[in-house]
Amino acid sequence: MASRSARSMTAEVDSLMGPAPASHAQPEVIVLRFRRHGRRLLLPALALIAIAAVAGFWVGRLPAGWANLAAALVAGVLGFVLGVLPMLAWLAGRTTVTTRRVIVRRGLFVRQRAELALGRVREVRQRRSLGQRLWGCGSIELLYGAEKLVLEDVPGFALTAEALQELMERSYAQESRVQQTLGAAQLPFGAGGLGPGAAPPQF
């Protein structure tokens, strides 16, 4: 069976749920794309350097050949677990901010994805620990209802928070305009107007 095109699937969704909101009329644009601050790579880099130094000193100096081989194998495993894996996990994580939503991807072997529409965000909070101040980064909390999405170790902390605040306000204003437009369009058929089936006012 031939697969359906994206346009035909969109048309089917529109026929079932109605047209997309007016806020989706404009194309979605990527505003920011970043990974967590590079300070996360400091400890893995130091671990790799230390393991390489120790392995370079001891491997080949042990009296037995099997002991040298075992030491090299242990050094390789430690270097991979303590150095390479954290770096790969850092590379696998990415946060994307568009004009409509925030998308957070995490995980190396098990991929995790969190997505939050900017129209749902009601507050943007900033938080910085002492270590984050020293490195020039910070954490941003996006509050929606009773829950929140936390972006840890954001580089360019202040500018990113300002951009998210502005995008949130624009999305909220756009949704408010859409709701007002829909309310005005439905007014003649609601309690405030004389639509079909509505009873005339009694005097």
C-alpha atoms as a PDB file:
ATOM      1  CA  MET A   1       0.000   0.000   0.000  1.00  0.00           C
ATOM      2  CA  ALA A   2       1.382   3.372  -0.972  1.00  0.00           C
ATOM      3  CA  SER A   3       2.052   5.719   1.931  1.00  0.00           C
ATOM      4  CA  ARG A   4      -0.005   8.869   2.115  1.00  0.00           C
ATOM      5  CA  SER A   5       1.639  12.236   1.645  1.00  0.00           C
ATOM      6  CA  ALA A   6       1.958  14.718   4.493  1.00  0.00           C
ATOM      7  CA  ARG A   7      -0.466  17.060   2.721  1.00  0.00           C
ATOM      8  CA  SER A   8      -3.186  14.413   2.467  1.00  0.00           C
ATOM      9  CA  MET A   9      -2.770  13.537   6.154  1.00  0.00           C
ATOM     10  CA  THR A  10      -3.018  17.225   7.072  1.00  0.00           C
ATOM     11  CA  ALA A  11      -6.178  17.563   5.007  1.00  0.00           C
ATOM     12  CA  GLU A  12      -7.671  14.551   6.795  1.00  0.00           C
ATOM     13  CA  VAL A  13      -6.865  16.063  10.197  1.00  0.00           C
ATOM     14  CA  ASP A  14      -8.440  19.367   9.113  1.00  0.00           C
ATOM     15  CA  SER A  15     -11.598  17.569   8.008  1.00  0.00           C
ATOM     16  CA  LEU A  16     -11.933  15.919  11.422  1.00  0.00           C
ATOM     17  CA  MET A  17     -10.829  18.722  13.738  1.00  0.00           C
ATOM     18  CA  GLY A  18     -11.349  21.827  11.668  1.00  0.00           C
ATOM     19  CA  PRO A  19      -8.698  24.248  10.371  1.00  0.00           C
ATOM     20  CA  ALA A  20      -5.549  24.969  12.353  1.00  0.00           C
ATOM     21  CA  PRO A  21      -5.537  27.955  14.720  1.00  0.00           C
ATOM     22  CA  ALA A  22      -4.656  31.331  13.297  1.00  0.00           C
ATOM     23  CA  SER A  23      -1.397  31.248  15.272  1.00  0.00           C
ATOM     24  CA  HIS A  24      -0.254  28.377  13.018  1.00  0.00           C
ATOM     25  CA  ALA A  25      -0.764  30.370   9.846  1.00  0.00           C
ATOM     26  CA  GLN A  26       2.812  31.641  10.024  1.00  0.00           C
ATOM     27  CA  PRO A  27       5.625  29.137   9.459  1.00  0.00           C
ATOM     28  CA  GLU A  28       7.511  27.901  12.505  1.00  0.00           C
ATOM     29  CA  VAL A  29      11.014  29.358  12.664  1.00  0.00           C
ATOM     30  CA  ILE A  30      13.973  28.148  14.748  1.00  0.00           C
ATOM     31  CA  VAL A  31      15.164  30.968  17.017  1.00  0.00           C
ATOM     32  CA  LEU A  32      17.787  29.247  19.184  1.00  0.00           C
ATOM     33  CA  ARG A  33      19.574  25.914  19.215  1.00  0.00           C
ATOM     34  CA  PHE A  34      22.099  25.103  21.911  1.00  0.00           C
ATOM     35  CA  ARG A  35      23.637  22.417  24.098  1.00  0.00           C
ATOM     36  CA  ARG A  36      24.380  22.589  27.798  1.00  0.00           C
ATOM     37  CA  HIS A  37      27.386  24.664  28.757  1.00  0.00           C
ATOM     38  CA  GLY A  38      30.772  23.118  28.015  1.00  0.00           C
ATOM     39  CA  ARG A  39      31.665  23.046  31.703  1.00  0.00           C
ATOM     40  CA  ARG A  40      30.062  19.613  31.669  1.00  0.00           C
ATOM     41  CA  LEU A  41      33.077  18.422  29.671  1.00  0.00           C
ATOM     42  CA  LEU A  42      35.678  19.492  32.247  1.00  0.00           C
ATOM     43  CA  LEU A  43      35.515  16.401  34.476  1.00  0.00           C
ATOM     44  CA  PRO A  44      35.449  13.888  31.568  1.00  0.00           C
ATOM     45  CA  ALA A  45      38.438  15.645  29.997  1.00  0.00           C
ATOM     46  CA  LEU A  46      40.377  15.579  33.283  1.00  0.00           C
ATOM     47  CA  ALA A  47      39.476  11.907  33.733  1.00  0.00           C
ATOM     48  CA  LEU A  48      40.795  11.057  30.272  1.00  0.00           C
ATOM     49  CA  ILE A  49      44.039  12.934  30.909  1.00  0.00           C
ATOM     50  CA  ALA A  50      44.578  11.256  34.286  1.00  0.00           C
ATOM     51  CA  ILE A  51      43.808   7.766  32.955  1.00  0.00           C
ATOM     52  CA  ALA A  52      46.105   8.277  29.958  1.00  0.00           C
ATOM     53  CA  ALA A  53      48.925   9.483  32.231  1.00  0.00           C
ATOM     54  CA  VAL A  54      48.604   6.554  34.629  1.00  0.00           C
ATOM     55  CA  ALA A  55      48.271   4.027  31.815  1.00  0.00           C
ATOM     56  CA  GLY A  56      51.254   5.494  29.991  1.00  0.00           C
ATOM     57  CA  PHE A  57      53.383   5.142  33.107  1.00  0.00           C
ATOM     58  CA  TRP A  58      52.362   1.632  34.206  1.00  0.00           C
ATOM     59  CA  VAL A  59      51.494  -0.262  31.021  1.00  0.00           C
ATOM     60  CA  GLY A  60      54.664  -1.977  29.859  1.00  0.00           C
ATOM     61  CA  ARG A  61      56.437  -1.678  33.236  1.00  0.00           C
ATOM     62  CA  LEU A  62      54.685  -4.589  34.893  1.00  0.00           C
ATOM     63  CA  PRO A  63      56.713  -7.831  35.076  1.00  0.00           C
ATOM     64  CA  ALA A  64      54.125 -10.094  33.462  1.00  0.00           C
ATOM     65  CA  GLY A  65      52.778  -9.669  29.967  1.00  0.00           C
ATOM     66  CA  TRP A  66      49.241 -10.552  30.978  1.00  0.00           C
ATOM     67  CA  ALA A  67      49.391  -7.881  33.704  1.00  0.00           C
ATOM     68  CA  ASN A  68      50.330  -5.220  31.144  1.00  0.00           C
ATOM     69  CA  LEU A  69      47.494  -6.370  28.914  1.00  0.00           C
ATOM     70  CA  ALA A  70      45.019  -6.314  31.810  1.00  0.00           C
ATOM     71  CA  ALA A  71      46.181  -2.821  32.860  1.00  0.00           C
ATOM     72  CA  ALA A  72      45.722  -1.534  29.316  1.00  0.00           C
ATOM     73  CA  LEU A  73      42.264  -3.102  29.134  1.00  0.00           C
ATOM     74  CA  VAL A  74      41.205  -1.577  32.461  1.00  0.00           C
ATOM     75  CA  ALA A  75      42.532   1.829  31.399  1.00  0.00           C
ATOM     76  CA  GLY A  76      40.605   1.616  28.137  1.00  0.00           C
ATOM     77  CA  VAL A  77      37.351   0.691  29.882  1.00  0.00           C
ATOM     78  CA  LEU A  78      37.745   3.470  32.467  1.00  0.00           C
ATOM     79  CA  GLY A  79      38.562   5.999  29.779  1.00  0.00           C
ATOM     80  CA  PHE A  80      35.492   5.028  27.789  1.00  0.00           C
ATOM     81  CA  VAL A  81      33.124   5.052  30.780  1.00  0.00           C
ATOM     82  CA  LEU A  82      34.453   8.143  32.577  1.00  0.00           C
ATOM     83  CA  GLY A  83      35.549  10.192  29.582  1.00  0.00           C
ATOM     84  CA  VAL A  84      34.085   9.221  26.221  1.00  0.00           C
ATOM     85  CA  LEU A  85      30.532   8.336  27.311  1.00  0.00           C
ATOM     86  CA  PRO A  86      29.881  11.657  29.127  1.00  0.00           C
ATOM     87  CA  MET A  87      31.143  13.551  26.091  1.00  0.00           C
ATOM     88  CA  LEU A  88      28.888  11.586  23.752  1.00  0.00           C
ATOM     89  CA  ALA A  89      25.941  12.175  26.092  1.00  0.00           C
ATOM     90  CA  TRP A  90      26.685  15.908  26.025  1.00  0.00           C
ATOM     91  CA  LEU A  91      26.765  15.883  22.231  1.00  0.00           C
ATOM     92  CA  ALA A  92      23.471  13.949  22.100  1.00  0.00           C
ATOM     93  CA  GLY A  93      21.623  16.554  24.178  1.00  0.00           C
ATOM     94  CA  ARG A  94      20.224  19.600  22.441  1.00  0.00           C
ATOM     95  CA  THR A  95      17.606  22.251  23.122  1.00  0.00           C
ATOM     96  CA  THR A  96      15.749  23.916  20.247  1.00  0.00           C
ATOM     97  CA  VAL A  97      13.639  27.043  20.679  1.00  0.00           C
ATOM     98  CA  THR A  98      11.236  27.964  17.879  1.00  0.00           C
ATOM     99  CA  THR A  99       8.630  30.664  17.541  1.00  0.00           C
ATOM    100  CA  ARG A 100       6.033  28.214  18.934  1.00  0.00           C
ATOM    101  CA  ARG A 101       7.690  25.732  21.285  1.00  0.00           C
ATOM    102  CA  VAL A 102      10.725  24.535  23.232  1.00  0.00           C
ATOM    103  CA  ILE A 103      12.074  21.082  22.362  1.00  0.00           C
ATOM    104  CA  VAL A 104      14.555  19.335  24.679  1.00  0.00           C
ATOM    105  CA  ARG A 105      16.332  16.166  23.538  1.00  0.00           C
ATOM    106  CA  ARG A 106      18.402  14.102  25.961  1.00  0.00           C
ATOM    107  CA  GLY A 107      19.857  10.617  26.242  1.00  0.00           C
ATOM    108  CA  LEU A 108      22.471   8.598  24.424  1.00  0.00           C
ATOM    109  CA  PHE A 109      21.157   5.027  24.354  1.00  0.00           C
ATOM    110  CA  VAL A 110      17.583   5.833  25.433  1.00  0.00           C
ATOM    111  CA  ARG A 111      16.437   8.981  23.685  1.00  0.00           C
ATOM    112  CA  GLN A 112      14.164  11.325  25.626  1.00  0.00           C
ATOM    113  CA  ARG A 113      12.250  14.231  24.150  1.00  0.00           C
ATOM    114  CA  ALA A 114      10.294  16.917  26.004  1.00  0.00           C
ATOM    115  CA  GLU A 115       8.250  19.502  24.120  1.00  0.00           C
ATOM    116  CA  LEU A 116       6.478  22.561  25.512  1.00  0.00           C
ATOM    117  CA  ALA A 117       4.344  25.024  23.567  1.00  0.00           C
ATOM    118  CA  LEU A 118       5.301  28.607  24.363  1.00  0.00           C
ATOM    119  CA  GLY A 119       1.614  29.509  24.524  1.00  0.00           C
ATOM    120  CA  ARG A 120       1.325  27.370  27.687  1.00  0.00           C
ATOM    121  CA  VAL A 121       4.223  29.057  29.491  1.00  0.00           C
ATOM    122  CA  ARG A 122       3.088  31.582  32.082  1.00  0.00           C
ATOM    123  CA  GLU A 123       6.395  32.528  33.708  1.00  0.00           C
ATOM    124  CA  VAL A 124      10.110  32.433  32.889  1.00  0.00           C
ATOM    125  CA  ARG A 125      12.366  32.170  35.946  1.00  0.00           C
ATOM    126  CA  GLN A 126      16.128  32.448  36.140  1.00  0.00           C
ATOM    127  CA  ARG A 127      18.338  30.597  38.605  1.00  0.00           C
ATOM    128  CA  ARG A 128      22.129  30.609  38.954  1.00  0.00           C
ATOM    129  CA  SER A 129      24.365  28.748  41.373  1.00  0.00           C
ATOM    130  CA  LEU A 130      27.824  29.958  42.360  1.00  0.00           C
ATOM    131  CA  GLY A 131      29.466  27.543  39.945  1.00  0.00           C
ATOM    132  CA  GLN A 132      27.210  28.688  37.118  1.00  0.00           C
ATOM    133  CA  ARG A 133      28.097  32.318  37.853  1.00  0.00           C
ATOM    134  CA  LEU A 134      31.784  31.505  37.536  1.00  0.00           C
ATOM    135  CA  TRP A 135      31.214  29.848  34.161  1.00  0.00           C
ATOM    136  CA  GLY A 136      28.780  32.450  32.838  1.00  0.00           C
ATOM    137  CA  CYS A 137      25.802  30.141  32.479  1.00  0.00           C
ATOM    138  CA  GLY A 138      22.561  29.515  34.365  1.00  0.00           C
ATOM    139  CA  SER A 139      19.320  27.568  34.554  1.00  0.00           C
ATOM    140  CA  ILE A 140      15.969  28.706  33.138  1.00  0.00           C
ATOM    141  CA  GLU A 141      12.646  27.455  34.494  1.00  0.00           C
ATOM    142  CA  LEU A 142       9.583  27.562  32.243  1.00  0.00           C
ATOM    143  CA  LEU A 143       6.465  27.377  34.423  1.00  0.00           C
ATOM    144  CA  TYR A 144       3.202  26.079  32.956  1.00  0.00           C
ATOM    145  CA  GLY A 145       0.401  25.330  35.368  1.00  0.00           C
ATOM    146  CA  ALA A 146       1.719  23.439  38.385  1.00  0.00           C
ATOM    147  CA  GLU A 147       4.651  21.984  36.438  1.00  0.00           C
ATOM    148  CA  LYS A 148       7.851  23.357  34.981  1.00  0.00           C
ATOM    149  CA  LEU A 149      10.470  22.575  32.364  1.00  0.00           C
ATOM    150  CA  VAL A 150      14.024  23.255  33.544  1.00  0.00           C
ATOM    151  CA  LEU A 151      16.805  24.090  31.085  1.00  0.00           C
ATOM    152  CA  GLU A 152      20.076  23.406  32.907  1.00  0.00           C
ATOM    153  CA  ASP A 153      23.427  25.129  32.253  1.00  0.00           C
ATOM    154  CA  VAL A 154      22.208  27.374  29.460  1.00  0.00           C
ATOM    155  CA  PRO A 155      25.034  29.225  27.686  1.00  0.00           C
ATOM    156  CA  GLY A 156      24.360  32.896  26.973  1.00  0.00           C
ATOM    157  CA  PHE A 157      22.054  32.726  29.973  1.00  0.00           C
ATOM    158  CA  ALA A 158      20.738  36.317  30.078  1.00  0.00           C
ATOM    159  CA  LEU A 159      20.102  36.658  26.333  1.00  0.00           C
ATOM    160  CA  THR A 160      18.386  33.268  26.151  1.00  0.00           C
ATOM    161  CA  ALA A 161      16.095  34.121  29.071  1.00  0.00           C
ATOM    162  CA  GLU A 162      15.150  37.454  27.460  1.00  0.00           C
ATOM    163  CA  ALA A 163      14.405  35.731  24.151  1.00  0.00           C
ATOM    164  CA  LEU A 164      12.203  33.134  25.859  1.00  0.00           C
ATOM    165  CA  GLN A 165      10.364  35.847  27.778  1.00  0.00           C
ATOM    166  CA  GLU A 166       9.637  37.774  24.589  1.00  0.00           C
ATOM    167  CA  LEU A 167       8.536  34.658  22.706  1.00  0.00           C
ATOM    168  CA  MET A 168       6.263  33.678  25.603  1.00  0.00           C
ATOM    169  CA  GLU A 169       4.636  37.108  25.671  1.00  0.00           C
ATOM    170  CA  ARG A 170       4.108  37.091  21.905  1.00  0.00           C
ATOM    171  CA  SER A 171       2.590  33.618  21.964  1.00  0.00           C
ATOM    172  CA  TYR A 172       0.299  34.555  24.843  1.00  0.00           C
ATOM    173  CA  ALA A 173      -0.809  37.759  23.079  1.00  0.00           C
ATOM    174  CA  GLN A 174      -1.424  35.825  19.856  1.00  0.00           C
ATOM    175  CA  GLU A 175      -3.534  33.234  21.656  1.00  0.00           C
ATOM    176  CA  SER A 176      -5.513  36.001  23.373  1.00  0.00           C
ATOM    177  CA  ARG A 177      -6.268  37.635  20.020  1.00  0.00           C
ATOM    178  CA  VAL A 178      -7.335  34.289  18.568  1.00  0.00           C
ATOM    179  CA  GLN A 179      -9.665  33.632  21.519  1.00  0.00           C
ATOM    180  CA  GLN A 180     -11.188  37.106  21.217  1.00  0.00           C
ATOM    181  CA  THR A 181     -11.723  36.612  17.488  1.00  0.00           C
ATOM    182  CA  LEU A 182     -13.380  33.244  18.039  1.00  0.00           C
ATOM    183  CA  GLY A 183     -15.536  34.692  20.822  1.00  0.00           C
ATOM    184  CA  ALA A 184     -16.696  37.556  18.613  1.00  0.00           C
ATOM    185  CA  ALA A 185     -17.486  35.154  15.785  1.00  0.00           C
ATOM    186  CA  GLN A 186     -19.595  32.952  18.075  1.00  0.00           C
ATOM    187  CA  LEU A 187     -21.362  35.836  19.817  1.00  0.00           C
ATOM    188  CA  PRO A 188     -24.476  35.966  17.528  1.00  0.00           C
ATOM    189  CA  PHE A 189     -25.134  32.283  18.285  1.00  0.00           C
ATOM    190  CA  GLY A 190     -24.477  32.397  22.001  1.00  0.00           C
ATOM    191  CA  ALA A 191     -26.207  33.847  24.961  1.00  0.00           C
ATOM    192  CA  GLY A 192     -25.456  37.375  23.815  1.00  0.00           C
ATOM    193  CA  GLY A 193     -27.139  37.162  20.417  1.00  0.00           C
ATOM    194  CA  LEU A 194     -30.159  35.826  18.549  1.00  0.00           C
ATOM    195  CA  GLY A 195     -28.810  32.848  16.694  1.00  0.00           C
ATOM    196  CA  PRO A 196     -30.798  29.966  15.260  1.00  0.00           C
ATOM    197  CA  GLY A 197     -32.990  28.389  17.909  1.00  0.00           C
ATOM    198  CA  ALA A 198     -32.447  31.226  20.412  1.00  0.00           C
ATOM    199  CA  ALA A 199     -35.516  32.518  22.214  1.00  0.00           C
ATOM    200  CA  PRO A 200     -36.376  36.197  21.779  1.00  0.00           C
ATOM    201  CA  PRO A 201     -35.962  38.403  24.832  1.00  0.00           C
ATOM    202  CA  GLN A 202     -38.962  38.736  27.145  1.00  0.00           C
ATOM    203  CA  PHE A 203     -40.188  42.221  28.119  1.00  0.00           C
END
